[in-house]
Amino acid sequence: MDDALLAYDAGRVDALAGHRDAERARHPRTGADYRMGFLDARIEIFRMLSSARRILEGND
Protein backbone atom coordinates (compact mmCIF):
# COMPACT_ATOMS: atom_id res chain seq x y z
CA MET A 1 0.00 0.00 0.00
CA ASP A 2 2.80 2.42 0.83
CA ASP A 3 4.42 1.82 -2.55
CA ALA A 4 1.14 2.60 -4.30
CA LEU A 5 0.70 5.85 -2.40
CA LEU A 6 4.29 6.89 -3.04
CA ALA A 7 3.89 6.14 -6.76
CA TYR A 8 0.63 8.12 -6.89
CA ASP A 9 2.29 11.08 -5.17
CA ALA A 10 5.29 10.88 -7.50
CA GLY A 11 2.93 10.99 -10.46
CA ARG A 12 1.21 14.09 -9.10
CA VAL A 13 4.52 15.81 -8.40
CA ASP A 14 5.83 15.01 -11.88
CA ALA A 15 2.63 16.27 -13.53
CA LEU A 16 2.79 19.52 -11.58
CA ALA A 17 6.42 19.89 -12.62
CA GLY A 18 5.44 19.30 -16.24
CA HIS A 19 7.30 16.10 -16.99
CA ARG A 20 6.49 12.38 -17.00
CA ASP A 21 8.82 9.59 -15.95
CA ALA A 22 8.20 6.86 -18.54
CA GLU A 23 10.13 4.28 -16.53
CA ARG A 24 7.98 4.79 -13.44
CA ALA A 25 4.84 4.74 -15.57
CA ARG A 26 5.81 1.31 -16.97
CA HIS A 27 6.64 -0.23 -13.59
CA PRO A 28 4.70 -3.52 -13.41
CA ARG A 29 3.50 -3.10 -9.83
CA THR A 30 3.13 0.65 -9.27
CA GLY A 31 2.93 2.04 -12.80
CA ALA A 32 -0.86 2.30 -12.74
CA ASP A 33 -0.73 4.27 -9.48
CA TYR A 34 1.88 6.61 -10.91
CA ARG A 35 -0.20 7.19 -14.05
CA MET A 36 -3.35 7.82 -11.99
CA GLY A 37 -1.56 10.42 -9.87
CA PHE A 38 -0.17 12.02 -13.01
CA LEU A 39 -3.60 12.14 -14.63
CA ASP A 40 -5.30 13.52 -11.50
CA ALA A 41 -2.78 16.36 -11.32
CA ARG A 42 -3.13 17.16 -15.03
CA ILE A 43 -6.93 17.35 -14.63
CA GLU A 44 -6.44 19.64 -11.64
CA ILE A 45 -4.17 21.90 -13.70
CA PHE A 46 -6.70 21.95 -16.57
CA ARG A 47 -9.50 22.98 -14.20
CA MET A 48 -7.35 25.67 -12.61
CA LEU A 49 -6.43 27.14 -16.00
CA SER A 50 -10.04 26.93 -17.15
CA SER A 51 -11.18 28.85 -14.07
CA ALA A 52 -8.50 31.47 -14.57
CA ARG A 53 -9.53 31.84 -18.21
CA ARG A 54 -13.18 32.35 -17.24
CA ILE A 55 -12.23 34.96 -14.65
CA LEU A 56 -10.02 36.86 -17.10
CA GLU A 57 -12.67 36.77 -19.80
CA GLY A 58 -15.34 37.95 -17.38
CA ASN A 59 -17.57 34.92 -17.94
CA ASP A 60 -17.73 34.01 -14.29
PDB file of N, CA and C in Angstrom:
ATOM      1  N   MET A   1       0.825  -1.197   0.000  1.00  0.00           N
ATOM      2  CA  MET A   1       0.000   0.000   0.000  1.00  0.00           C
ATOM      3  C   MET A   1       0.865   1.254   0.000  1.00  0.00           C
ATOM      4  N   ASP A   2       1.920   1.251   0.789  1.00  0.00           N
ATOM      5  CA  ASP A   2       2.795   2.422   0.830  1.00  0.00           C
ATOM      6  C   ASP A   2       3.428   2.694  -0.524  1.00  0.00           C
ATOM      7  N   ASP A   3       3.814   1.641  -1.220  1.00  0.00           N
ATOM      8  CA  ASP A   3       4.417   1.822  -2.548  1.00  0.00           C
ATOM      9  C   ASP A   3       3.423   2.451  -3.512  1.00  0.00           C
ATOM     10  N   ALA A   4       2.173   2.039  -3.415  1.00  0.00           N
ATOM     11  CA  ALA A   4       1.141   2.597  -4.300  1.00  0.00           C
ATOM     12  C   ALA A   4       0.926   4.077  -4.019  1.00  0.00           C
ATOM     13  N   LEU A   5       0.884   4.439  -2.756  1.00  0.00           N
ATOM     14  CA  LEU A   5       0.700   5.853  -2.399  1.00  0.00           C
ATOM     15  C   LEU A   5       1.905   6.696  -2.804  1.00  0.00           C
ATOM     16  N   LEU A   6       3.084   6.157  -2.628  1.00  0.00           N
ATOM     17  CA  LEU A   6       4.287   6.885  -3.039  1.00  0.00           C
ATOM     18  C   LEU A   6       4.321   7.060  -4.562  1.00  0.00           C
ATOM     19  N   ALA A   7       3.919   6.036  -5.293  1.00  0.00           N
ATOM     20  CA  ALA A   7       3.892   6.136  -6.756  1.00  0.00           C
ATOM     21  C   ALA A   7       2.854   7.159  -7.195  1.00  0.00           C
ATOM     22  N   TYR A   8       1.687   7.149  -6.563  1.00  0.00           N
ATOM     23  CA  TYR A   8       0.631   8.118  -6.886  1.00  0.00           C
ATOM     24  C   TYR A   8       1.140   9.539  -6.651  1.00  0.00           C
ATOM     25  N   ASP A   9       1.762   9.750  -5.505  1.00  0.00           N
ATOM     26  CA  ASP A   9       2.293  11.076  -5.173  1.00  0.00           C
ATOM     27  C   ASP A   9       3.385  11.493  -6.161  1.00  0.00           C
ATOM     28  N   ALA A  10       4.237  10.565  -6.523  1.00  0.00           N
ATOM     29  CA  ALA A  10       5.292  10.877  -7.497  1.00  0.00           C
ATOM     30  C   ALA A  10       4.681  11.283  -8.836  1.00  0.00           C
ATOM     31  N   GLY A  11       3.610  10.623  -9.222  1.00  0.00           N
ATOM     32  CA  GLY A  11       2.925  10.990 -10.459  1.00  0.00           C
ATOM     33  C   GLY A  11       2.359  12.392 -10.395  1.00  0.00           C
ATOM     34  N   ARG A  12       1.752  12.740  -9.266  1.00  0.00           N
ATOM     35  CA  ARG A  12       1.211  14.093  -9.099  1.00  0.00           C
ATOM     36  C   ARG A  12       2.325  15.131  -9.148  1.00  0.00           C
ATOM     37  N   VAL A  13       3.401  14.867  -8.442  1.00  0.00           N
ATOM     38  CA  VAL A  13       4.522  15.814  -8.401  1.00  0.00           C
ATOM     39  C   VAL A  13       5.105  16.006  -9.802  1.00  0.00           C
ATOM     40  N   ASP A  14       5.285  14.906 -10.528  1.00  0.00           N
ATOM     41  CA  ASP A  14       5.827  15.014 -11.881  1.00  0.00           C
ATOM     42  C   ASP A  14       4.886  15.789 -12.798  1.00  0.00           C
ATOM     43  N   ALA A  15       3.594  15.554 -12.685  1.00  0.00           N
ATOM     44  CA  ALA A  15       2.631  16.275 -13.527  1.00  0.00           C
ATOM     45  C   ALA A  15       2.659  17.763 -13.219  1.00  0.00           C
ATOM     46  N   LEU A  16       2.739  18.106 -11.949  1.00  0.00           N
ATOM     47  CA  LEU A  16       2.786  19.521 -11.581  1.00  0.00           C
ATOM     48  C   LEU A  16       4.084  20.171 -12.040  1.00  0.00           C
ATOM     49  N   ALA A  17       5.141  19.379 -12.133  1.00  0.00           N
ATOM     50  CA  ALA A  17       6.423  19.893 -12.622  1.00  0.00           C
ATOM     51  C   ALA A  17       6.467  19.923 -14.145  1.00  0.00           C
ATOM     52  N   GLY A  18       5.514  19.251 -14.784  1.00  0.00           N
ATOM     53  CA  GLY A  18       5.437  19.299 -16.239  1.00  0.00           C
ATOM     54  C   GLY A  18       6.241  18.246 -16.970  1.00  0.00           C
ATOM     55  N   HIS A  19       6.598  17.173 -16.291  1.00  0.00           N
ATOM     56  CA  HIS A  19       7.300  16.098 -16.989  1.00  0.00           C
ATOM     57  C   HIS A  19       6.838  14.739 -16.471  1.00  0.00           C
ATOM     58  N   ARG A  20       6.947  13.733 -17.321  1.00  0.00           N
ATOM     59  CA  ARG A  20       6.492  12.383 -17.001  1.00  0.00           C
ATOM     60  C   ARG A  20       7.677  11.435 -17.024  1.00  0.00           C
ATOM     61  N   ASP A  21       7.760  10.580 -16.039  1.00  0.00           N
ATOM     62  CA  ASP A  21       8.820   9.586 -15.954  1.00  0.00           C
ATOM     63  C   ASP A  21       8.304   8.288 -16.580  1.00  0.00           C
ATOM     64  N   ALA A  22       8.703   8.023 -17.807  1.00  0.00           N
ATOM     65  CA  ALA A  22       8.198   6.861 -18.538  1.00  0.00           C
ATOM     66  C   ALA A  22       8.563   5.554 -17.845  1.00  0.00           C
ATOM     67  N   GLU A  23       9.713   5.511 -17.225  1.00  0.00           N
ATOM     68  CA  GLU A  23      10.130   4.284 -16.531  1.00  0.00           C
ATOM     69  C   GLU A  23       9.215   3.982 -15.350  1.00  0.00           C
ATOM     70  N   ARG A  24       8.894   4.996 -14.571  1.00  0.00           N
ATOM     71  CA  ARG A  24       7.980   4.791 -13.437  1.00  0.00           C
ATOM     72  C   ARG A  24       6.587   4.428 -13.922  1.00  0.00           C
ATOM     73  N   ALA A  25       6.169   5.020 -15.025  1.00  0.00           N
ATOM     74  CA  ALA A  25       4.836   4.741 -15.567  1.00  0.00           C
ATOM     75  C   ALA A  25       4.713   3.298 -16.063  1.00  0.00           C
ATOM     76  N   ARG A  26       5.827   2.694 -16.472  1.00  0.00           N
ATOM     77  CA  ARG A  26       5.813   1.311 -16.969  1.00  0.00           C
ATOM     78  C   ARG A  26       6.059   0.282 -15.882  1.00  0.00           C
ATOM     79  N   HIS A  27       6.334   0.717 -14.665  1.00  0.00           N
ATOM     80  CA  HIS A  27       6.641  -0.228 -13.594  1.00  0.00           C
ATOM     81  C   HIS A  27       5.483  -1.219 -13.442  1.00  0.00           C
ATOM     82  N   PRO A  28       5.777  -2.517 -13.410  1.00  0.00           N
ATOM     83  CA  PRO A  28       4.699  -3.516 -13.412  1.00  0.00           C
ATOM     84  C   PRO A  28       3.789  -3.479 -12.184  1.00  0.00           C
ATOM     85  N   ARG A  29       4.313  -3.067 -11.040  1.00  0.00           N
ATOM     86  CA  ARG A  29       3.500  -3.102  -9.830  1.00  0.00           C
ATOM     87  C   ARG A  29       2.892  -1.753  -9.475  1.00  0.00           C
ATOM     88  N   THR A  30       3.613  -0.665  -9.697  1.00  0.00           N
ATOM     89  CA  THR A  30       3.134   0.650  -9.268  1.00  0.00           C
ATOM     90  C   THR A  30       2.902   1.623 -10.420  1.00  0.00           C
ATOM     91  N   GLY A  31       3.093   1.166 -11.642  1.00  0.00           N
ATOM     92  CA  GLY A  31       2.927   2.042 -12.803  1.00  0.00           C
ATOM     93  C   GLY A  31       1.526   2.626 -12.917  1.00  0.00           C
ATOM     94  N   ALA A  32       0.523   1.809 -12.644  1.00  0.00           N
ATOM     95  CA  ALA A  32      -0.861   2.295 -12.737  1.00  0.00           C
ATOM     96  C   ALA A  32      -1.126   3.389 -11.705  1.00  0.00           C
ATOM     97  N   ASP A  33      -0.555   3.249 -10.521  1.00  0.00           N
ATOM     98  CA  ASP A  33      -0.733   4.267  -9.475  1.00  0.00           C
ATOM     99  C   ASP A  33      -0.035   5.566  -9.875  1.00  0.00           C
ATOM    100  N   TYR A  34       1.155   5.433 -10.435  1.00  0.00           N
ATOM    101  CA  TYR A  34       1.884   6.611 -10.910  1.00  0.00           C
ATOM    102  C   TYR A  34       1.071   7.334 -11.984  1.00  0.00           C
ATOM    103  N   ARG A  35       0.565   6.577 -12.955  1.00  0.00           N
ATOM    104  CA  ARG A  35      -0.200   7.187 -14.046  1.00  0.00           C
ATOM    105  C   ARG A  35      -1.478   7.845 -13.540  1.00  0.00           C
ATOM    106  N   MET A  36      -2.128   7.240 -12.541  1.00  0.00           N
ATOM    107  CA  MET A  36      -3.353   7.818 -11.990  1.00  0.00           C
ATOM    108  C   MET A  36      -3.039   9.139 -11.278  1.00  0.00           C
ATOM    109  N   GLY A  37      -1.965   9.178 -10.515  1.00  0.00           N
ATOM    110  CA  GLY A  37      -1.563  10.419  -9.868  1.00  0.00           C
ATOM    111  C   GLY A  37      -1.222  11.486 -10.886  1.00  0.00           C
ATOM    112  N   PHE A  38      -0.532  11.086 -11.949  1.00  0.00           N
ATOM    113  CA  PHE A  38      -0.173  12.016 -13.009  1.00  0.00           C
ATOM    114  C   PHE A  38      -1.429  12.583 -13.657  1.00  0.00           C
ATOM    115  N   LEU A  39      -2.371  11.717 -13.976  1.00  0.00           N
ATOM    116  CA  LEU A  39      -3.605  12.142 -14.629  1.00  0.00           C
ATOM    117  C   LEU A  39      -4.435  13.049 -13.714  1.00  0.00           C
ATOM    118  N   ASP A  40      -4.538  12.696 -12.447  1.00  0.00           N
ATOM    119  CA  ASP A  40      -5.296  13.524 -11.503  1.00  0.00           C
ATOM    120  C   ASP A  40      -4.725  14.937 -11.425  1.00  0.00           C
ATOM    121  N   ALA A  41      -3.412  15.035 -11.393  1.00  0.00           N
ATOM    122  CA  ALA A  41      -2.784  16.361 -11.316  1.00  0.00           C
ATOM    123  C   ALA A  41      -2.989  17.139 -12.609  1.00  0.00           C
ATOM    124  N   ARG A  42      -2.910  16.463 -13.754  1.00  0.00           N
ATOM    125  CA  ARG A  42      -3.132  17.157 -15.031  1.00  0.00           C
ATOM    126  C   ARG A  42      -4.563  17.672 -15.135  1.00  0.00           C
ATOM    127  N   ILE A  43      -5.532  16.896 -14.641  1.00  0.00           N
ATOM    128  CA  ILE A  43      -6.926  17.352 -14.630  1.00  0.00           C
ATOM    129  C   ILE A  43      -7.064  18.554 -13.712  1.00  0.00           C
ATOM    130  N   GLU A  44      -6.407  18.515 -12.575  1.00  0.00           N
ATOM    131  CA  GLU A  44      -6.444  19.640 -11.642  1.00  0.00           C
ATOM    132  C   GLU A  44      -5.875  20.903 -12.290  1.00  0.00           C
ATOM    133  N   ILE A  45      -4.778  20.762 -13.006  1.00  0.00           N
ATOM    134  CA  ILE A  45      -4.173  21.904 -13.702  1.00  0.00           C
ATOM    135  C   ILE A  45      -5.129  22.432 -14.767  1.00  0.00           C
ATOM    136  N   PHE A  46      -5.747  21.536 -15.534  1.00  0.00           N
ATOM    137  CA  PHE A  46      -6.698  21.948 -16.565  1.00  0.00           C
ATOM    138  C   PHE A  46      -7.840  22.751 -15.950  1.00  0.00           C
ATOM    139  N   ARG A  47      -8.399  22.267 -14.852  1.00  0.00           N
ATOM    140  CA  ARG A  47      -9.504  22.976 -14.203  1.00  0.00           C
ATOM    141  C   ARG A  47      -9.064  24.338 -13.668  1.00  0.00           C
ATOM    142  N   MET A  48      -7.862  24.403 -13.117  1.00  0.00           N
ATOM    143  CA  MET A  48      -7.352  25.674 -12.614  1.00  0.00           C
ATOM    144  C   MET A  48      -7.193  26.684 -13.752  1.00  0.00           C
ATOM    145  N   LEU A  49      -6.614  26.248 -14.865  1.00  0.00           N
ATOM    146  CA  LEU A  49      -6.428  27.145 -16.004  1.00  0.00           C
ATOM    147  C   LEU A  49      -7.767  27.548 -16.615  1.00  0.00           C
ATOM    148  N   SER A  50      -8.709  26.630 -16.645  1.00  0.00           N
ATOM    149  CA  SER A  50     -10.041  26.933 -17.152  1.00  0.00           C
ATOM    150  C   SER A  50     -10.726  27.990 -16.293  1.00  0.00           C
ATOM    151  N   SER A  51     -10.605  27.854 -14.987  1.00  0.00           N
ATOM    152  CA  SER A  51     -11.184  28.846 -14.071  1.00  0.00           C
ATOM    153  C   SER A  51     -10.526  30.202 -14.247  1.00  0.00           C
ATOM    154  N   ALA A  52      -9.211  30.210 -14.371  1.00  0.00           N
ATOM    155  CA  ALA A  52      -8.497  31.470 -14.570  1.00  0.00           C
ATOM    156  C   ALA A  52      -8.922  32.123 -15.873  1.00  0.00           C
ATOM    157  N   ARG A  53      -9.103  31.319 -16.908  1.00  0.00           N
ATOM    158  CA  ARG A  53      -9.534  31.844 -18.205  1.00  0.00           C
ATOM    159  C   ARG A  53     -10.921  32.475 -18.100  1.00  0.00           C
ATOM    160  N   ARG A  54     -11.833  31.798 -17.406  1.00  0.00           N
ATOM    161  CA  ARG A  54     -13.182  32.351 -17.237  1.00  0.00           C
ATOM    162  C   ARG A  54     -13.159  33.663 -16.469  1.00  0.00           C
ATOM    163  N   ILE A  55     -12.336  33.738 -15.438  1.00  0.00           N
ATOM    164  CA  ILE A  55     -12.232  34.964 -14.653  1.00  0.00           C
ATOM    165  C   ILE A  55     -11.683  36.101 -15.512  1.00  0.00           C
ATOM    166  N   LEU A  56     -10.635  35.812 -16.267  1.00  0.00           N
ATOM    167  CA  LEU A  56     -10.019  36.856 -17.099  1.00  0.00           C
ATOM    168  C   LEU A  56     -10.929  37.308 -18.229  1.00  0.00           C
ATOM    169  N   GLU A  57     -11.761  36.409 -18.727  1.00  0.00           N
ATOM    170  CA  GLU A  57     -12.672  36.769 -19.802  1.00  0.00           C
ATOM    171  C   GLU A  57     -13.948  37.403 -19.275  1.00  0.00           C
ATOM    172  N   GLY A  58     -14.149  37.350 -17.977  1.00  0.00           N
ATOM    173  CA  GLY A  58     -15.337  37.947 -17.376  1.00  0.00           C
ATOM    174  C   GLY A  58     -16.580  37.104 -17.525  1.00  0.00           C
ATOM    175  N   ASN A  59     -16.433  35.827 -17.774  1.00  0.00           N
ATOM    176  CA  ASN A  59     -17.572  34.917 -17.944  1.00  0.00           C
ATOM    177  C   ASN A  59     -17.843  34.119 -16.676  1.00  0.00           C
ATOM    178  N   ASP A  60     -17.601  34.705 -15.562  1.00  0.00           N
ATOM    179  CA  ASP A  60     -17.733  34.005 -14.291  1.00  0.00           C
ATOM    180  C   ASP A  60     -19.127  33.723 -14.013  1.00  0.00           C
TER     181      ASP A  60
END
